[in-house]
Amino acid sequence: MNKTVYPKLDETIYRSQLPCGLTVAVVPKPGFTRKLAYFVTDFGSIHTDFLLDGQEYHVPAGVAHYLEHKLFELPGRDVSAEFAALGANVNAFTGYDMTAYYFSCTENFDKSLELLLEFVSTPYFPEESVVREQGIIDQEIGMFLDSPEARVFDRLMEAMYRRHPIRVPILGSSESIREITPEILTLCHRGFYAPGNMILCVVGDVDSEFVVQTAVKILGTDPRPVAEKLRNWQEEMNCPEPITHQQMEVAMPTFQLGFKCEAIPSGEAAIRAEVVGDLAAEALFGESSALYLQMYETGLIDASFGGGLETVDGCAMITCGGDSPEPDKVRDAILAGVKTLLETGVDQESFLRMKRSALGRRIRDLDSFDSTCFRVCAYHFAHFDYFCFPTVYAEVTWEEVHEFLTQVVTEERCALSVITPM
């Protein structure tokens, strides 16, 4: 394996690409008893159009999440019970642009790793089981429809985007999941769960060579074709619906405000654009900003308020939200506040302090095994070595942040989603 040391972070990472195409990354943590493994595919809810074996496919919304559910079944076996018997905690999540399966343990790491690789790489979709799962996922969809926190964000995406599939909930709909068949699940597993579309990341006191040997043992050495994603998502930067309202059982109005950004590129440009966006959000409405203090003291926002840059394959946005008696006035205050900030600017000392604070938060995140695993995997798919982020923070300038705020935080790019009491 290739070893890379990062003195500024006191971190080391071992990387290798196996003959089957799988990328393996190991972040050693000597002396720690906990071990964490993420097995992740570059496939999420938005990837419903693709080419495989020269043929074009369009699959129903919600198929990535459906597939996540069904992979926990092996013939005649209970995967979750097997992990529990090993003393390991197993779970999974589906995002807009990736799906992750992971476990943590303090013992039986070798057997747990084999089981993780085995169940994720084994497609088993009997008809009766797939049909039965529709009811389970339908109930989950119903729970999300009853959740103000979920609905306010989903409706914001509907208001901001015309074509990008982020406007469709990750779980799909009651109608779309009924179109999912064993054949569709098998097709998506074949196209996106090929090792060349995946990464295995392990954090803990483990032998990196053992991790590689285990992956080869379970997955073999033969590469498999990977589906080519079709991204017909060209978006204009204005929002089709500036404001959307829905009534639900909430004590006071809750909101999400979004400003549409150009899609984040890959490589080093990806992390640089993310750092610029995060610093822009911090300068405009972060807890140390004058605007935040003004809105808090006047009662427009409370401790629930927060936000930052959100990035997804093919789109990005600055968002903020929380509870507020008058969400429209929060939007107006931010639009007015950005004009003031652009006119007055930020002195160099304050900007350096802001960068040090943001950099410190990222470094502290490395203390979390989960955060480290997630970010190593996510940035791998963006073709960037995540542990190089301190260099990016050092290089970003206020002029870049100023330009970002000028382009993005405008009325034309703004949409507001509000949930009001019934």
Protein backbone atom coordinates (compact mmCIF):
# COMPACT_ATOMS: atom_id res chain seq x y z
CA MET A 1 0.00 0.00 0.00
CA ASN A 2 1.08 3.57 -0.58
CA LYS A 3 1.76 5.43 2.66
CA THR A 4 1.25 9.20 2.95
CA VAL A 5 2.08 11.19 6.09
CA TYR A 6 0.50 14.60 6.86
CA PRO A 7 2.68 16.30 9.51
CA LYS A 8 0.37 19.32 9.90
CA LEU A 9 -2.47 17.03 10.95
CA ASP A 10 -0.40 14.28 12.60
CA GLU A 11 -2.25 11.82 10.37
CA THR A 12 -1.20 8.95 8.13
CA ILE A 13 -3.15 7.16 5.42
CA TYR A 14 -2.45 3.98 3.48
CA ARG A 15 -4.03 3.68 0.03
CA SER A 16 -4.21 0.98 -2.59
CA GLN A 17 -6.24 0.22 -5.70
CA LEU A 18 -6.89 -3.50 -6.01
CA PRO A 19 -6.91 -5.45 -9.29
CA CYS A 20 -10.72 -5.61 -9.13
CA GLY A 21 -10.81 -1.79 -9.13
CA LEU A 22 -11.69 -1.23 -5.45
CA THR A 23 -9.89 1.60 -3.65
CA VAL A 24 -8.83 0.76 -0.09
CA ALA A 25 -7.92 3.50 2.40
CA VAL A 26 -6.73 2.82 5.95
CA VAL A 27 -6.23 5.56 8.56
CA PRO A 28 -4.28 3.99 11.45
CA LYS A 29 -5.15 4.96 15.02
CA PRO A 30 -2.62 3.11 17.21
CA GLY A 31 -3.79 2.32 20.72
CA PHE A 32 -7.52 2.79 20.07
CA THR A 33 -9.80 -0.18 20.71
CA ARG A 34 -12.63 1.01 18.44
CA LYS A 35 -12.45 0.20 14.75
CA LEU A 36 -14.71 1.55 12.01
CA ALA A 37 -15.13 0.42 8.41
CA TYR A 38 -17.07 2.18 5.64
CA PHE A 39 -17.88 0.38 2.37
CA VAL A 40 -19.23 3.06 0.04
CA THR A 41 -20.53 3.22 -3.52
CA ASP A 42 -20.60 6.30 -5.73
CA PHE A 43 -24.35 5.85 -6.24
CA GLY A 44 -27.12 7.87 -4.65
CA SER A 45 -30.75 8.82 -5.11
CA ILE A 46 -30.05 11.29 -7.94
CA HIS A 47 -28.41 8.70 -10.19
CA THR A 48 -31.49 7.36 -11.95
CA ASP A 49 -30.26 7.74 -15.55
CA PHE A 50 -27.25 5.77 -16.77
CA LEU A 51 -25.62 3.71 -19.49
CA LEU A 52 -24.62 0.10 -18.94
CA ASP A 53 -23.39 -2.35 -21.57
CA GLY A 54 -24.19 0.21 -24.27
CA GLN A 55 -27.85 0.51 -23.23
CA GLU A 56 -29.53 3.53 -21.64
CA TYR A 57 -31.64 3.05 -18.51
CA HIS A 58 -33.99 5.19 -16.43
CA VAL A 59 -34.92 3.71 -13.05
CA PRO A 60 -37.60 4.86 -10.56
CA ALA A 61 -36.91 7.44 -7.85
CA GLY A 62 -35.91 5.87 -4.56
CA VAL A 63 -34.11 2.85 -6.03
CA ALA A 64 -30.76 3.58 -4.30
CA HIS A 65 -32.43 3.66 -0.87
CA TYR A 66 -34.51 0.57 -1.71
CA LEU A 67 -31.33 -1.27 -2.69
CA GLU A 68 -29.71 -0.28 0.60
CA HIS A 69 -32.60 -1.93 2.49
CA LYS A 70 -32.55 -5.13 0.45
CA LEU A 71 -28.80 -5.77 0.65
CA PHE A 72 -29.13 -6.61 4.35
CA GLU A 73 -30.74 -9.91 3.30
CA LEU A 74 -28.70 -12.99 2.50
CA PRO A 75 -30.29 -16.37 1.73
CA GLY A 76 -31.47 -17.89 5.00
CA ARG A 77 -29.42 -15.45 7.09
CA ASP A 78 -29.99 -12.39 9.27
CA VAL A 79 -27.08 -10.02 8.58
CA SER A 80 -27.84 -7.63 11.46
CA ALA A 81 -28.04 -10.56 13.92
CA GLU A 82 -24.70 -11.90 12.67
CA PHE A 83 -23.04 -8.53 13.29
CA ALA A 84 -24.62 -8.38 16.75
CA ALA A 85 -23.28 -11.85 17.56
CA LEU A 86 -19.82 -10.56 16.67
CA GLY A 87 -20.27 -7.58 19.01
CA ALA A 88 -20.38 -5.12 16.09
CA ASN A 89 -22.85 -2.34 15.31
CA VAL A 90 -23.87 -2.21 11.64
CA ASN A 91 -25.82 0.45 9.78
CA ALA A 92 -26.17 2.17 6.41
CA PHE A 93 -27.42 5.38 4.84
CA THR A 94 -28.36 6.59 1.37
CA GLY A 95 -27.56 10.15 0.34
CA TYR A 96 -28.20 12.10 -2.80
CA ASP A 97 -24.93 10.98 -4.40
CA MET A 98 -23.52 8.07 -2.37
CA THR A 99 -24.60 5.06 -0.33
CA ALA A 100 -22.57 3.85 2.67
CA TYR A 101 -22.57 0.62 4.68
CA TYR A 102 -20.54 0.60 7.88
CA PHE A 103 -19.84 -1.14 11.15
CA SER A 104 -17.92 -0.34 14.32
CA CYS A 105 -16.49 -2.82 16.78
CA THR A 106 -13.89 -3.41 19.48
CA GLU A 107 -13.48 -7.12 18.80
CA ASN A 108 -13.89 -9.60 15.92
CA PHE A 109 -12.87 -6.97 13.39
CA ASP A 110 -11.67 -9.60 10.91
CA LYS A 111 -14.98 -11.49 10.78
CA SER A 112 -17.00 -8.27 10.77
CA LEU A 113 -15.02 -6.92 7.81
CA GLU A 114 -15.58 -10.14 5.86
CA LEU A 115 -19.31 -9.98 6.60
CA LEU A 116 -19.53 -6.32 5.50
CA LEU A 117 -17.84 -7.03 2.17
CA GLU A 118 -19.89 -10.19 1.67
CA PHE A 119 -23.40 -8.84 2.20
CA VAL A 120 -22.90 -5.59 0.29
CA SER A 121 -21.45 -7.43 -2.72
CA THR A 122 -24.12 -10.16 -2.81
CA PRO A 123 -27.30 -9.33 -4.77
CA TYR A 124 -30.24 -11.34 -3.40
CA PHE A 125 -33.64 -10.01 -4.37
CA PRO A 126 -36.42 -12.64 -4.24
CA GLU A 127 -39.73 -11.35 -5.61
CA GLU A 128 -41.74 -11.87 -2.42
CA SER A 129 -39.16 -10.07 -0.29
CA VAL A 130 -38.94 -7.10 -2.68
CA VAL A 131 -42.73 -6.68 -2.68
CA ARG A 132 -42.86 -6.94 1.12
CA GLU A 133 -40.26 -4.17 1.41
CA GLN A 134 -42.59 -1.74 -0.39
CA GLY A 135 -44.81 -1.54 2.68
CA ILE A 136 -41.87 -0.94 5.00
CA ILE A 137 -40.41 1.85 2.86
CA ASP A 138 -43.88 3.32 2.30
CA GLN A 139 -44.20 3.70 6.06
CA GLU A 140 -40.79 5.39 6.15
CA ILE A 141 -41.92 7.80 3.42
CA GLY A 142 -45.02 8.57 5.49
CA MET A 143 -42.85 9.37 8.51
CA PHE A 144 -40.77 11.79 6.44
CA LEU A 145 -43.90 13.45 5.06
CA ASP A 146 -44.97 14.04 8.68
CA SER A 147 -41.56 15.51 9.63
CA PRO A 148 -41.38 19.33 9.39
CA GLU A 149 -37.56 19.20 9.30
CA ALA A 150 -37.60 16.87 6.29
CA ARG A 151 -40.44 18.59 4.46
CA VAL A 152 -39.05 22.11 4.77
CA PHE A 153 -35.80 21.04 3.06
CA ASP A 154 -37.47 18.88 0.40
CA ARG A 155 -39.79 21.72 -0.53
CA LEU A 156 -36.85 24.11 -0.71
CA MET A 157 -35.20 21.80 -3.27
CA GLU A 158 -38.44 21.71 -5.28
CA ALA A 159 -38.53 25.51 -5.24
CA MET A 160 -34.86 25.95 -6.22
CA TYR A 161 -34.40 23.37 -8.99
CA ARG A 162 -36.21 22.73 -12.25
CA ARG A 163 -34.39 19.64 -13.54
CA HIS A 164 -31.77 18.45 -11.09
CA PRO A 165 -33.03 15.28 -9.31
CA ILE A 166 -32.19 16.75 -5.91
CA ARG A 167 -35.75 18.09 -6.13
CA VAL A 168 -36.94 14.48 -5.64
CA PRO A 169 -36.77 13.09 -2.06
CA ILE A 170 -34.11 10.45 -1.43
CA LEU A 171 -36.75 7.86 -0.52
CA GLY A 172 -38.76 8.48 -3.68
CA SER A 173 -42.55 8.43 -3.45
CA SER A 174 -45.22 5.85 -2.69
CA GLU A 175 -45.85 5.65 -6.43
CA SER A 176 -42.22 5.39 -7.59
CA ILE A 177 -41.20 2.61 -5.19
CA ARG A 178 -44.00 0.41 -6.53
CA GLU A 179 -42.23 0.44 -9.88
CA ILE A 180 -39.09 -1.12 -8.37
CA THR A 181 -38.60 -4.78 -9.26
CA PRO A 182 -35.95 -7.42 -8.51
CA GLU A 183 -34.66 -6.91 -12.06
CA ILE A 184 -34.14 -3.16 -11.47
CA LEU A 185 -32.36 -3.81 -8.16
CA THR A 186 -30.10 -6.37 -9.83
CA LEU A 187 -29.35 -3.97 -12.68
CA CYS A 188 -28.37 -1.12 -10.32
CA HIS A 189 -26.29 -3.42 -8.16
CA ARG A 190 -24.44 -4.71 -11.23
CA GLY A 191 -23.80 -1.19 -12.55
CA PHE A 192 -22.91 0.70 -9.37
CA TYR A 193 -21.74 -1.90 -6.84
CA ALA A 194 -18.86 -2.93 -9.07
CA PRO A 195 -15.63 -2.58 -7.02
CA GLY A 196 -14.31 0.07 -9.42
CA ASN A 197 -17.16 2.35 -8.28
CA MET A 198 -16.53 1.81 -4.56
CA ILE A 199 -14.14 2.56 -1.73
CA LEU A 200 -13.42 0.70 1.50
CA CYS A 201 -12.16 2.98 4.28
CA VAL A 202 -11.05 1.71 7.68
CA VAL A 203 -10.09 3.80 10.71
CA GLY A 204 -8.55 2.21 13.78
CA ASP A 205 -5.66 0.16 15.11
CA VAL A 206 -5.64 -2.31 12.21
CA ASP A 207 -3.14 -3.89 9.83
CA SER A 208 -3.58 -2.22 6.44
CA GLU A 209 -2.26 -5.26 4.58
CA PHE A 210 -4.80 -7.46 6.31
CA VAL A 211 -7.59 -5.15 5.12
CA VAL A 212 -6.34 -5.48 1.53
CA GLN A 213 -6.03 -9.26 1.78
CA THR A 214 -9.56 -9.55 3.14
CA ALA A 215 -10.96 -7.42 0.33
CA VAL A 216 -9.21 -9.58 -2.28
CA LYS A 217 -10.45 -12.74 -0.55
CA ILE A 218 -14.11 -11.65 -0.64
CA LEU A 219 -14.26 -9.58 -3.85
CA GLY A 220 -11.72 -11.39 -6.01
CA THR A 221 -9.44 -9.80 -8.58
CA ASP A 222 -11.61 -9.50 -11.68
CA PRO A 223 -12.75 -5.95 -12.59
CA ARG A 224 -16.37 -5.41 -13.61
CA PRO A 225 -17.94 -2.74 -15.85
CA VAL A 226 -19.27 0.37 -14.08
CA ALA A 227 -22.41 2.19 -15.21
CA GLU A 228 -21.90 5.62 -16.75
CA LYS A 229 -24.08 8.23 -15.06
CA LEU A 230 -26.10 10.50 -17.35
CA ARG A 231 -26.30 14.01 -15.94
CA ASN A 232 -28.76 16.01 -18.02
CA TRP A 233 -29.14 18.53 -15.23
CA GLN A 234 -28.28 21.90 -16.75
CA GLU A 235 -29.79 24.52 -14.47
CA GLU A 236 -30.36 28.23 -14.75
CA MET A 237 -29.21 30.05 -11.64
CA ASN A 238 -32.52 31.71 -10.85
CA CYS A 239 -35.06 29.80 -8.74
CA PRO A 240 -38.37 28.82 -10.37
CA GLU A 241 -40.34 29.33 -7.12
CA PRO A 242 -39.07 32.15 -4.83
CA ILE A 243 -41.20 31.09 -1.84
CA THR A 244 -43.17 28.03 -0.83
CA HIS A 245 -45.46 27.55 2.17
CA GLN A 246 -46.89 24.46 3.85
CA GLN A 247 -48.94 24.08 7.01
CA MET A 248 -48.04 21.37 9.52
CA GLU A 249 -48.36 20.72 13.23
CA VAL A 250 -45.53 22.95 14.45
CA ALA A 251 -45.43 25.29 17.42
CA MET A 252 -43.94 28.17 15.42
CA PRO A 253 -42.84 28.73 11.82
CA THR A 254 -39.71 26.88 10.70
CA PHE A 255 -37.84 27.68 7.50
CA GLN A 256 -35.01 26.88 5.12
CA LEU A 257 -33.50 29.60 2.95
CA GLY A 258 -31.33 28.74 -0.05
CA PHE A 259 -29.09 30.54 -2.53
CA LYS A 260 -28.26 28.64 -5.71
CA CYS A 261 -24.58 28.14 -6.61
CA GLU A 262 -22.84 26.77 -9.67
CA ALA A 263 -21.99 23.08 -9.42
CA ILE A 264 -18.76 22.34 -7.57
CA PRO A 265 -16.01 20.94 -9.85
CA SER A 266 -13.88 17.91 -8.98
CA GLY A 267 -10.31 17.72 -7.77
CA GLU A 268 -8.64 20.45 -5.71
CA ALA A 269 -11.14 22.96 -7.11
CA ALA A 270 -13.87 21.06 -5.23
CA ILE A 271 -12.42 21.57 -1.75
CA ARG A 272 -11.40 25.13 -2.59
CA ALA A 273 -14.93 26.02 -3.70
CA GLU A 274 -16.31 24.36 -0.56
CA VAL A 275 -13.94 26.28 1.72
CA VAL A 276 -14.83 29.58 -0.01
CA GLY A 277 -18.54 28.83 0.36
CA ASP A 278 -18.22 27.88 4.03
CA LEU A 279 -16.23 31.02 4.80
CA ALA A 280 -18.78 33.12 2.92
CA ALA A 281 -21.59 31.68 5.03
CA GLU A 282 -19.57 32.22 8.21
CA ALA A 283 -18.79 35.83 7.30
CA LEU A 284 -22.41 36.59 6.41
CA PHE A 285 -24.52 34.87 9.06
CA GLY A 286 -22.16 32.81 11.25
CA GLU A 287 -22.50 33.08 15.02
CA SER A 288 -19.66 35.61 15.22
CA SER A 289 -21.09 37.88 12.49
CA ALA A 290 -22.79 41.21 13.09
CA LEU A 291 -25.84 40.07 11.12
CA TYR A 292 -26.34 37.01 13.32
CA LEU A 293 -26.17 39.14 16.46
CA GLN A 294 -28.61 41.65 15.01
CA MET A 295 -31.16 38.98 14.01
CA TYR A 296 -30.78 37.19 17.34
CA GLU A 297 -31.21 40.30 19.47
CA THR A 298 -34.32 41.36 17.55
CA GLY A 299 -35.88 37.91 17.95
CA LEU A 300 -35.85 37.00 14.25
CA ILE A 301 -33.81 33.86 14.96
CA ASP A 302 -33.00 31.70 17.97
CA ALA A 303 -30.40 29.07 18.84
CA SER A 304 -31.87 26.72 16.21
CA PHE A 305 -30.52 28.91 13.39
CA GLY A 306 -27.57 27.63 11.39
CA GLY A 307 -26.35 27.01 7.88
CA GLY A 308 -23.50 26.67 5.42
CA LEU A 309 -22.62 25.32 2.00
CA GLU A 310 -24.38 22.18 0.74
CA THR A 311 -22.81 20.28 -2.17
CA VAL A 312 -24.25 17.42 -4.22
CA ASP A 313 -23.16 15.90 -7.52
CA GLY A 314 -24.15 18.53 -10.09
CA CYS A 315 -25.34 21.30 -7.76
CA ALA A 316 -24.48 23.38 -4.71
CA MET A 317 -26.21 25.95 -2.51
CA ILE A 318 -25.80 28.14 0.54
CA THR A 319 -28.56 27.28 3.00
CA CYS A 320 -29.61 28.42 6.44
CA GLY A 321 -32.65 27.77 8.55
CA GLY A 322 -34.30 27.24 11.89
CA ASP A 323 -37.33 28.56 13.76
CA SER A 324 -38.48 32.15 13.29
CA PRO A 325 -41.69 34.14 13.87
CA GLU A 326 -41.08 35.92 10.53
CA PRO A 327 -38.97 33.89 8.09
CA ASP A 328 -39.50 36.40 5.27
CA LYS A 329 -37.81 39.07 7.40
CA VAL A 330 -34.83 36.76 7.94
CA ARG A 331 -34.50 36.47 4.16
CA ASP A 332 -34.75 40.27 3.77
CA ALA A 333 -32.18 40.82 6.55
CA ILE A 334 -29.69 38.47 4.88
CA LEU A 335 -30.15 40.10 1.47
CA ALA A 336 -29.61 43.51 3.07
CA GLY A 337 -26.76 42.22 5.23
CA VAL A 338 -24.76 40.90 2.30
CA LYS A 339 -24.83 44.34 0.67
CA THR A 340 -23.46 45.90 3.85
CA LEU A 341 -20.78 43.21 4.18
CA LEU A 342 -19.66 43.66 0.57
CA GLU A 343 -19.44 47.43 1.03
CA THR A 344 -17.52 47.36 4.32
CA GLY A 345 -15.52 44.20 3.69
CA VAL A 346 -13.57 42.27 6.32
CA ASP A 347 -10.15 43.35 7.57
CA GLN A 348 -7.27 40.92 7.10
CA GLU A 349 -6.91 40.13 10.79
CA SER A 350 -10.60 39.23 11.13
CA PHE A 351 -10.47 37.10 7.98
CA LEU A 352 -7.41 35.21 9.23
CA ARG A 353 -9.16 34.62 12.55
CA MET A 354 -12.21 33.32 10.67
CA LYS A 355 -10.05 30.95 8.63
CA ARG A 356 -8.22 29.67 11.72
CA SER A 357 -11.56 29.00 13.44
CA ALA A 358 -12.95 27.11 10.43
CA LEU A 359 -9.72 25.16 10.00
CA GLY A 360 -9.75 24.29 13.70
CA ARG A 361 -13.26 22.84 13.41
CA ARG A 362 -12.18 20.62 10.52
CA ILE A 363 -9.12 19.43 12.39
CA ARG A 364 -11.24 18.62 15.47
CA ASP A 365 -13.55 16.60 13.22
CA LEU A 366 -10.64 14.24 12.58
CA ASP A 367 -11.04 13.07 16.20
CA SER A 368 -14.28 11.46 15.05
CA PHE A 369 -13.76 8.13 13.29
CA ASP A 370 -17.13 8.51 11.57
CA SER A 371 -16.39 11.99 10.25
CA THR A 372 -12.95 10.90 9.01
CA CYS A 373 -14.32 7.86 7.19
CA PHE A 374 -17.16 9.81 5.62
CA ARG A 375 -14.97 12.62 4.37
CA VAL A 376 -12.21 10.36 3.02
CA CYS A 377 -14.85 8.48 1.01
CA ALA A 378 -16.76 11.55 -0.19
CA TYR A 379 -13.64 13.38 -1.33
CA HIS A 380 -12.29 10.25 -2.99
CA PHE A 381 -15.29 10.40 -5.32
CA ALA A 382 -14.53 14.10 -5.87
CA HIS A 383 -10.92 13.13 -6.78
CA PHE A 384 -9.32 15.02 -3.90
CA ASP A 385 -7.08 13.93 -1.04
CA TYR A 386 -9.08 15.22 1.91
CA PHE A 387 -6.09 15.47 4.27
CA CYS A 388 -4.69 18.26 2.09
CA PHE A 389 -7.37 20.72 3.26
CA PRO A 390 -5.03 22.82 5.51
CA THR A 391 -3.15 23.99 2.41
CA VAL A 392 -6.41 25.12 0.81
CA TYR A 393 -7.40 27.16 3.87
CA ALA A 394 -4.01 28.84 3.86
CA GLU A 395 -4.40 29.90 0.21
CA VAL A 396 -8.04 31.12 0.11
CA THR A 397 -8.36 34.92 0.03
CA TRP A 398 -11.05 37.40 1.04
CA GLU A 399 -11.30 38.43 -2.61
CA GLU A 400 -12.54 34.92 -3.47
CA VAL A 401 -15.12 35.06 -0.67
CA HIS A 402 -16.19 38.55 -1.76
CA GLU A 403 -16.68 37.38 -5.36
CA PHE A 404 -18.67 34.35 -4.18
CA LEU A 405 -21.03 36.47 -2.07
CA THR A 406 -21.47 38.96 -4.92
CA GLN A 407 -22.51 36.25 -7.36
CA VAL A 408 -24.51 33.92 -5.14
CA VAL A 409 -26.34 35.81 -2.39
CA THR A 410 -28.82 37.65 -4.60
CA GLU A 411 -32.58 37.87 -4.79
CA GLU A 412 -32.63 36.07 -8.16
CA ARG A 413 -30.85 33.01 -6.74
CA CYS A 414 -32.89 32.93 -3.53
CA ALA A 415 -35.73 30.62 -2.49
CA LEU A 416 -37.51 30.37 0.86
CA SER A 417 -39.35 27.32 2.21
CA VAL A 418 -41.61 27.90 5.21
CA ILE A 419 -43.63 25.51 7.38
CA THR A 420 -46.28 27.40 9.37
CA PRO A 421 -48.56 26.17 12.19
CA MET A 422 -51.91 24.74 11.15
